[in-house]
PDB file of all heavy atoms in Angstrom:
ATOM      1  N   ASP A   1     108.188 150.839 147.165  1.00  0.00           N
ATOM      2  CA  ASP A   1     107.944 152.266 147.367  1.00  0.00           C
ATOM      3  C   ASP A   1     109.205 153.105 147.143  1.00  0.00           C
ATOM      4  O   ASP A   1     109.131 154.244 146.712  1.00  0.00           O
ATOM      5  CB  ASP A   1     107.396 152.513 148.775  1.00  0.00           C
ATOM      6  CG  ASP A   1     106.996 153.953 148.992  1.00  0.00           C
ATOM      7  OD1 ASP A   1     106.188 154.471 148.187  1.00  0.00           O
ATOM      8  OD2 ASP A   1     107.522 154.581 149.940  1.00  0.00           O
ATOM      9  N   GLU A   2     110.378 152.524 147.411  1.00  0.00           N
ATOM     10  CA  GLU A   2     111.633 153.264 147.270  1.00  0.00           C
ATOM     11  C   GLU A   2     111.997 153.537 145.810  1.00  0.00           C
ATOM     12  O   GLU A   2     112.792 154.429 145.528  1.00  0.00           O
ATOM     13  CB  GLU A   2     112.786 152.494 147.932  1.00  0.00           C
ATOM     14  CG  GLU A   2     112.645 152.392 149.431  1.00  0.00           C
ATOM     15  CD  GLU A   2     113.729 151.546 150.048  1.00  0.00           C
ATOM     16  OE1 GLU A   2     113.950 150.398 149.592  1.00  0.00           O
ATOM     17  OE2 GLU A   2     114.371 152.040 150.996  1.00  0.00           O
ATOM     18  N   VAL A   3     111.433 152.764 144.892  1.00  0.00           N
ATOM     19  CA  VAL A   3     111.722 152.962 143.470  1.00  0.00           C
ATOM     20  C   VAL A   3     110.478 153.401 142.697  1.00  0.00           C
ATOM     21  O   VAL A   3     110.431 153.315 141.471  1.00  0.00           O
ATOM     22  CB  VAL A   3     112.348 151.693 142.842  1.00  0.00           C
ATOM     23  CG1 VAL A   3     113.721 151.437 143.445  1.00  0.00           C
ATOM     24  CG2 VAL A   3     111.457 150.473 143.015  1.00  0.00           C
ATOM     25  N   ALA A   4     109.500 153.908 143.428  1.00  0.00           N
ATOM     26  CA  ALA A   4     108.272 154.425 142.806  1.00  0.00           C
ATOM     27  C   ALA A   4     108.588 155.718 142.051  1.00  0.00           C
ATOM     28  O   ALA A   4     109.569 156.404 142.370  1.00  0.00           O
ATOM     29  CB  ALA A   4     107.226 154.684 143.880  1.00  0.00           C
ATOM     30  N   PRO A   5     107.774 156.053 141.056  1.00  0.00           N
ATOM     31  CA  PRO A   5     108.007 157.299 140.318  1.00  0.00           C
ATOM     32  C   PRO A   5     108.174 158.499 141.257  1.00  0.00           C
ATOM     33  O   PRO A   5     107.443 158.641 142.238  1.00  0.00           O
ATOM     34  CB  PRO A   5     106.748 157.435 139.461  1.00  0.00           C
ATOM     35  CG  PRO A   5     106.297 156.018 139.250  1.00  0.00           C
ATOM     36  CD  PRO A   5     106.618 155.323 140.557  1.00  0.00           C
ATOM     37  N   GLY A   6     109.191 159.293 140.981  1.00  0.00           N
ATOM     38  CA  GLY A   6     109.496 160.459 141.790  1.00  0.00           C
ATOM     39  C   GLY A   6     110.415 160.168 142.966  1.00  0.00           C
ATOM     40  O   GLY A   6     110.978 161.077 143.562  1.00  0.00           O
ATOM     41  N   LYS A   7     110.578 158.882 143.298  1.00  0.00           N
ATOM     42  CA  LYS A   7     111.431 158.485 144.429  1.00  0.00           C
ATOM     43  C   LYS A   7     112.635 157.664 143.984  1.00  0.00           C
ATOM     44  O   LYS A   7     113.585 157.501 144.732  1.00  0.00           O
ATOM     45  CB  LYS A   7     110.635 157.646 145.426  1.00  0.00           C
ATOM     46  CG  LYS A   7     109.533 158.388 146.127  1.00  0.00           C
ATOM     47  CD  LYS A   7     108.871 157.451 147.106  1.00  0.00           C
ATOM     48  CE  LYS A   7     107.779 158.151 147.887  1.00  0.00           C
ATOM     49  NZ  LYS A   7     107.161 157.248 148.853  1.00  0.00           N
ATOM     50  N   GLY A   8     112.554 157.107 142.801  1.00  0.00           N
ATOM     51  CA  GLY A   8     113.620 156.245 142.309  1.00  0.00           C
ATOM     52  C   GLY A   8     113.190 155.552 141.044  1.00  0.00           C
ATOM     53  O   GLY A   8     112.243 155.984 140.376  1.00  0.00           O
ATOM     54  N   ALA A   9     113.875 154.472 140.724  1.00  0.00           N
ATOM     55  CA  ALA A   9     113.557 153.715 139.511  1.00  0.00           C
ATOM     56  C   ALA A   9     114.181 152.337 139.605  1.00  0.00           C
ATOM     57  O   ALA A   9     115.206 152.146 140.264  1.00  0.00           O
ATOM     58  CB  ALA A   9     114.090 154.430 138.277  1.00  0.00           C
ATOM     59  N   PHE A  10     113.541 151.380 138.947  1.00  0.00           N
ATOM     60  CA  PHE A  10     114.115 150.052 138.762  1.00  0.00           C
ATOM     61  C   PHE A  10     114.153 149.828 137.261  1.00  0.00           C
ATOM     62  O   PHE A  10     113.116 149.841 136.599  1.00  0.00           O
ATOM     63  CB  PHE A  10     113.282 148.969 139.456  1.00  0.00           C
ATOM     64  CG  PHE A  10     113.925 147.611 139.393  1.00  0.00           C
ATOM     65  CD1 PHE A  10     114.934 147.273 140.287  1.00  0.00           C
ATOM     66  CD2 PHE A  10     113.547 146.690 138.433  1.00  0.00           C
ATOM     67  CE1 PHE A  10     115.555 146.031 140.227  1.00  0.00           C
ATOM     68  CE2 PHE A  10     114.152 145.446 138.367  1.00  0.00           C
ATOM     69  CZ  PHE A  10     115.157 145.113 139.261  1.00  0.00           C
ATOM     70  N   LEU A  11     115.357 149.670 136.721  1.00  0.00           N
ATOM     71  CA  LEU A  11     115.542 149.537 135.282  1.00  0.00           C
ATOM     72  C   LEU A  11     116.053 148.154 134.931  1.00  0.00           C
ATOM     73  O   LEU A  11     116.838 147.556 135.680  1.00  0.00           O
ATOM     74  CB  LEU A  11     116.541 150.587 134.770  1.00  0.00           C
ATOM     75  CG  LEU A  11     116.222 152.045 135.061  1.00  0.00           C
ATOM     76  CD1 LEU A  11     117.302 152.952 134.480  1.00  0.00           C
ATOM     77  CD2 LEU A  11     114.847 152.433 134.530  1.00  0.00           C
ATOM     78  N   VAL A  12     115.625 147.660 133.777  1.00  0.00           N
ATOM     79  CA  VAL A  12     116.066 146.372 133.257  1.00  0.00           C
ATOM     80  C   VAL A  12     116.659 146.591 131.868  1.00  0.00           C
ATOM     81  O   VAL A  12     116.110 147.345 131.059  1.00  0.00           O
ATOM     82  CB  VAL A  12     114.893 145.369 133.193  1.00  0.00           C
ATOM     83  CG1 VAL A  12     115.260 144.117 132.406  1.00  0.00           C
ATOM     84  CG2 VAL A  12     114.451 144.994 134.607  1.00  0.00           C
ATOM     85  N   ALA A  13     117.793 145.934 131.624  1.00  0.00           N
ATOM     86  CA  ALA A  13     118.400 145.919 130.290  1.00  0.00           C
ATOM     87  C   ALA A  13     117.912 144.668 129.576  1.00  0.00           C
ATOM     88  O   ALA A  13     118.045 143.558 130.102  1.00  0.00           O
ATOM     89  CB  ALA A  13     119.920 145.905 130.405  1.00  0.00           C
ATOM     90  N   GLU A  14     117.331 144.873 128.396  1.00  0.00           N
ATOM     91  CA  GLU A  14     116.832 143.761 127.587  1.00  0.00           C
ATOM     92  C   GLU A  14     117.614 143.677 126.289  1.00  0.00           C
ATOM     93  O   GLU A  14     117.956 144.697 125.699  1.00  0.00           O
ATOM     94  CB  GLU A  14     115.372 143.982 127.192  1.00  0.00           C
ATOM     95  CG  GLU A  14     114.364 143.699 128.231  1.00  0.00           C
ATOM     96  CD  GLU A  14     112.946 143.792 127.665  1.00  0.00           C
ATOM     97  OE1 GLU A  14     112.719 144.408 126.601  1.00  0.00           O
ATOM     98  OE2 GLU A  14     112.057 143.237 128.318  1.00  0.00           O
ATOM     99  N   ASP A  15     117.858 142.465 125.825  1.00  0.00           N
ATOM    100  CA  ASP A  15     118.434 142.234 124.506  1.00  0.00           C
ATOM    101  C   ASP A  15     117.354 142.607 123.487  1.00  0.00           C
ATOM    102  O   ASP A  15     116.240 142.076 123.541  1.00  0.00           O
ATOM    103  CB  ASP A  15     118.827 140.766 124.375  1.00  0.00           C
ATOM    104  CG  ASP A  15     119.474 140.445 123.045  1.00  0.00           C
ATOM    105  OD1 ASP A  15     118.925 140.815 121.984  1.00  0.00           O
ATOM    106  OD2 ASP A  15     120.532 139.795 123.066  1.00  0.00           O
ATOM    107  N   THR A  16     117.649 143.521 122.571  1.00  0.00           N
ATOM    108  CA  THR A  16     116.624 143.979 121.629  1.00  0.00           C
ATOM    109  C   THR A  16     116.209 142.883 120.653  1.00  0.00           C
ATOM    110  O   THR A  16     115.092 142.917 120.136  1.00  0.00           O
ATOM    111  CB  THR A  16     117.081 145.222 120.835  1.00  0.00           C
ATOM    112  OG1 THR A  16     118.299 144.927 120.165  1.00  0.00           O
ATOM    113  CG2 THR A  16     117.252 146.414 121.738  1.00  0.00           C
ATOM    114  N   GLU A  17     117.083 141.919 120.402  1.00  0.00           N
ATOM    115  CA  GLU A  17     116.729 140.846 119.465  1.00  0.00           C
ATOM    116  C   GLU A  17     115.858 139.789 120.117  1.00  0.00           C
ATOM    117  O   GLU A  17     114.837 139.397 119.572  1.00  0.00           O
ATOM    118  CB  GLU A  17     117.991 140.214 118.885  1.00  0.00           C
ATOM    119  CG  GLU A  17     118.727 141.141 117.947  1.00  0.00           C
ATOM    120  CD  GLU A  17     119.942 140.483 117.324  1.00  0.00           C
ATOM    121  OE1 GLU A  17     120.005 139.227 117.269  1.00  0.00           O
ATOM    122  OE2 GLU A  17     120.831 141.225 116.899  1.00  0.00           O
ATOM    123  N   SER A  18     116.254 139.313 121.289  1.00  0.00           N
ATOM    124  CA  SER A  18     115.534 138.210 121.926  1.00  0.00           C
ATOM    125  C   SER A  18     114.483 138.676 122.928  1.00  0.00           C
ATOM    126  O   SER A  18     113.597 137.914 123.300  1.00  0.00           O
ATOM    127  CB  SER A  18     116.520 137.288 122.651  1.00  0.00           C
ATOM    128  OG  SER A  18     117.084 137.956 123.765  1.00  0.00           O
ATOM    129  N   GLY A  19     114.609 139.913 123.416  1.00  0.00           N
ATOM    130  CA  GLY A  19     113.718 140.395 124.462  1.00  0.00           C
ATOM    131  C   GLY A  19     114.088 139.862 125.834  1.00  0.00           C
ATOM    132  O   GLY A  19     113.411 140.146 126.820  1.00  0.00           O
ATOM    133  N   ARG A  20     115.167 139.101 125.933  1.00  0.00           N
ATOM    134  CA  ARG A  20     115.598 138.508 127.199  1.00  0.00           C
ATOM    135  C   ARG A  20     116.206 139.568 128.108  1.00  0.00           C
ATOM    136  O   ARG A  20     117.008 140.385 127.687  1.00  0.00           O
ATOM    137  CB  ARG A  20     116.616 137.406 126.931  1.00  0.00           C
ATOM    138  CG  ARG A  20     117.138 136.747 128.192  1.00  0.00           C
ATOM    139  CD  ARG A  20     117.819 135.430 127.865  1.00  0.00           C
ATOM    140  NE  ARG A  20     118.628 134.925 128.952  1.00  0.00           N
ATOM    141  CZ  ARG A  20     118.176 134.335 130.043  1.00  0.00           C
ATOM    142  NH1 ARG A  20     116.881 134.200 130.221  1.00  0.00           N
ATOM    143  NH2 ARG A  20     118.996 133.882 130.974  1.00  0.00           N
ATOM    144  N   ALA A  21     115.813 139.521 129.373  1.00  0.00           N
ATOM    145  CA  ALA A  21     116.386 140.426 130.366  1.00  0.00           C
ATOM    146  C   ALA A  21     117.831 140.015 130.622  1.00  0.00           C
ATOM    147  O   ALA A  21     118.128 138.847 130.862  1.00  0.00           O
ATOM    148  CB  ALA A  21     115.580 140.370 131.662  1.00  0.00           C
ATOM    149  N   LEU A  22     118.742 140.996 130.557  1.00  0.00           N
ATOM    150  CA  LEU A  22     120.169 140.746 130.730  1.00  0.00           C
ATOM    151  C   LEU A  22     120.708 141.254 132.055  1.00  0.00           C
ATOM    152  O   LEU A  22     121.749 140.804 132.516  1.00  0.00           O
ATOM    153  CB  LEU A  22     120.951 141.413 129.596  1.00  0.00           C
ATOM    154  CG  LEU A  22     120.589 140.974 128.181  1.00  0.00           C
ATOM    155  CD1 LEU A  22     121.336 141.824 127.164  1.00  0.00           C
ATOM    156  CD2 LEU A  22     120.872 139.497 127.987  1.00  0.00           C
ATOM    157  N   GLY A  23     120.018 142.217 132.655  1.00  0.00           N
ATOM    158  CA  GLY A  23     120.495 142.788 133.904  1.00  0.00           C
ATOM    159  C   GLY A  23     119.527 143.814 134.436  1.00  0.00           C
ATOM    160  O   GLY A  23     118.523 144.141 133.789  1.00  0.00           O
ATOM    161  N   CYS A  24     119.850 144.321 135.622  1.00  0.00           N
ATOM    162  CA  CYS A  24     118.971 145.291 136.259  1.00  0.00           C
ATOM    163  C   CYS A  24     119.762 146.204 137.181  1.00  0.00           C
ATOM    164  O   CYS A  24     120.930 145.956 137.489  1.00  0.00           O
ATOM    165  CB  CYS A  24     117.883 144.584 137.071  1.00  0.00           C
ATOM    166  SG  CYS A  24     118.517 143.586 138.452  1.00  0.00           S
ATOM    167  N   GLY A  25     119.108 147.239 137.632  1.00  0.00           N
ATOM    168  CA  GLY A  25     119.670 148.151 138.613  1.00  0.00           C
ATOM    169  C   GLY A  25     118.588 149.103 139.072  1.00  0.00           C
ATOM    170  O   GLY A  25     117.573 149.293 138.398  1.00  0.00           O
ATOM    171  N   ALA A  26     118.807 149.681 140.236  1.00  0.00           N
ATOM    172  CA  ALA A  26     117.816 150.595 140.808  1.00  0.00           C
ATOM    173  C   ALA A  26     118.519 151.804 141.396  1.00  0.00           C
ATOM    174  O   ALA A  26     119.706 151.762 141.715  1.00  0.00           O
ATOM    175  CB  ALA A  26     117.020 149.882 141.906  1.00  0.00           C
ATOM    176  N   ILE A  27     117.756 152.862 141.525  1.00  0.00           N
ATOM    177  CA  ILE A  27     118.179 154.009 142.320  1.00  0.00           C
ATOM    178  C   ILE A  27     117.039 154.360 143.255  1.00  0.00           C
ATOM    179  O   ILE A  27     115.870 154.167 142.930  1.00  0.00           O
ATOM    180  CB  ILE A  27     118.569 155.246 141.478  1.00  0.00           C
ATOM    181  CG1 ILE A  27     117.445 155.649 140.539  1.00  0.00           C
ATOM    182  CG2 ILE A  27     119.877 155.027 140.760  1.00  0.00           C
ATOM    183  CD1 ILE A  27     117.634 157.011 139.912  1.00  0.00           C
ATOM    184  N   ARG A  28     117.431 154.828 144.437  1.00  0.00           N
ATOM    185  CA  ARG A  28     116.440 155.328 145.391  1.00  0.00           C
ATOM    186  C   ARG A  28     116.984 156.643 145.945  1.00  0.00           C
ATOM    187  O   ARG A  28     118.164 156.748 146.285  1.00  0.00           O
ATOM    188  CB  ARG A  28     116.154 154.324 146.501  1.00  0.00           C
ATOM    189  CG  ARG A  28     117.332 154.045 147.409  1.00  0.00           C
ATOM    190  CD  ARG A  28     116.955 153.129 148.540  1.00  0.00           C
ATOM    191  NE  ARG A  28     118.118 152.828 149.367  1.00  0.00           N
ATOM    192  CZ  ARG A  28     118.080 152.154 150.485  1.00  0.00           C
ATOM    193  NH1 ARG A  28     116.925 151.685 150.934  1.00  0.00           N
ATOM    194  NH2 ARG A  28     119.172 151.937 151.182  1.00  0.00           N
ATOM    195  N   VAL A  29     116.125 157.641 145.996  1.00  0.00           N
ATOM    196  CA  VAL A  29     116.523 158.940 146.524  1.00  0.00           C
ATOM    197  C   VAL A  29     116.646 158.831 148.041  1.00  0.00           C
ATOM    198  O   VAL A  29     115.737 158.356 148.713  1.00  0.00           O
ATOM    199  CB  VAL A  29     115.520 160.039 146.116  1.00  0.00           C
ATOM    200  CG1 VAL A  29     115.862 161.357 146.780  1.00  0.00           C
ATOM    201  CG2 VAL A  29     115.489 160.194 144.599  1.00  0.00           C
ATOM    202  N   LEU A  30     117.791 159.266 148.550  1.00  0.00           N
ATOM    203  CA  LEU A  30     118.031 159.260 150.000  1.00  0.00           C
ATOM    204  C   LEU A  30     117.754 160.620 150.620  1.00  0.00           C
ATOM    205  O   LEU A  30     117.180 160.710 151.702  1.00  0.00           O
ATOM    206  CB  LEU A  30     119.481 158.869 150.297  1.00  0.00           C
ATOM    207  CG  LEU A  30     119.936 157.487 149.855  1.00  0.00           C
ATOM    208  CD1 LEU A  30     121.421 157.301 150.151  1.00  0.00           C
ATOM    209  CD2 LEU A  30     119.107 156.400 150.517  1.00  0.00           C
ATOM    210  N   THR A  31     118.231 161.673 149.955  1.00  0.00           N
ATOM    211  CA  THR A  31     118.038 163.061 150.396  1.00  0.00           C
ATOM    212  C   THR A  31     117.743 163.871 149.148  1.00  0.00           C
ATOM    213  O   THR A  31     117.913 163.361 148.032  1.00  0.00           O
ATOM    214  CB  THR A  31     119.310 163.617 151.082  1.00  0.00           C
ATOM    215  OG1 THR A  31     120.351 163.742 150.093  1.00  0.00           O
ATOM    216  CG2 THR A  31     119.774 162.733 152.237  1.00  0.00           C
ATOM    217  N   PRO A  32     117.345 165.121 149.275  1.00  0.00           N
ATOM    218  CA  PRO A  32     117.056 165.896 148.061  1.00  0.00           C
ATOM    219  C   PRO A  32     118.220 165.963 147.062  1.00  0.00           C
ATOM    220  O   PRO A  32     117.983 166.117 145.869  1.00  0.00           O
ATOM    221  CB  PRO A  32     116.729 167.282 148.607  1.00  0.00           C
ATOM    222  CG  PRO A  32     116.161 167.005 149.966  1.00  0.00           C
ATOM    223  CD  PRO A  32     116.978 165.850 150.494  1.00  0.00           C
ATOM    224  N   ASP A  33     119.457 165.808 147.528  1.00  0.00           N
ATOM    225  CA  ASP A  33     120.573 165.897 146.578  1.00  0.00           C
ATOM    226  C   ASP A  33     121.335 164.596 146.361  1.00  0.00           C
ATOM    227  O   ASP A  33     122.276 164.549 145.575  1.00  0.00           O
ATOM    228  CB  ASP A  33     121.539 167.005 146.995  1.00  0.00           C
ATOM    229  CG  ASP A  33     122.254 166.707 148.306  1.00  0.00           C
ATOM    230  OD1 ASP A  33     121.842 165.787 149.021  1.00  0.00           O
ATOM    231  OD2 ASP A  33     123.232 167.404 148.595  1.00  0.00           O
TER     232      ASP A  33
END
């Protein structure tokens, strides 16, 4: 729920050649700013 649309995001970096996931990161909104 913390990374749901409008509240945050979970992103994955993929190698464009192999499609293999190389890493990830997330953001979650804590306060309006």
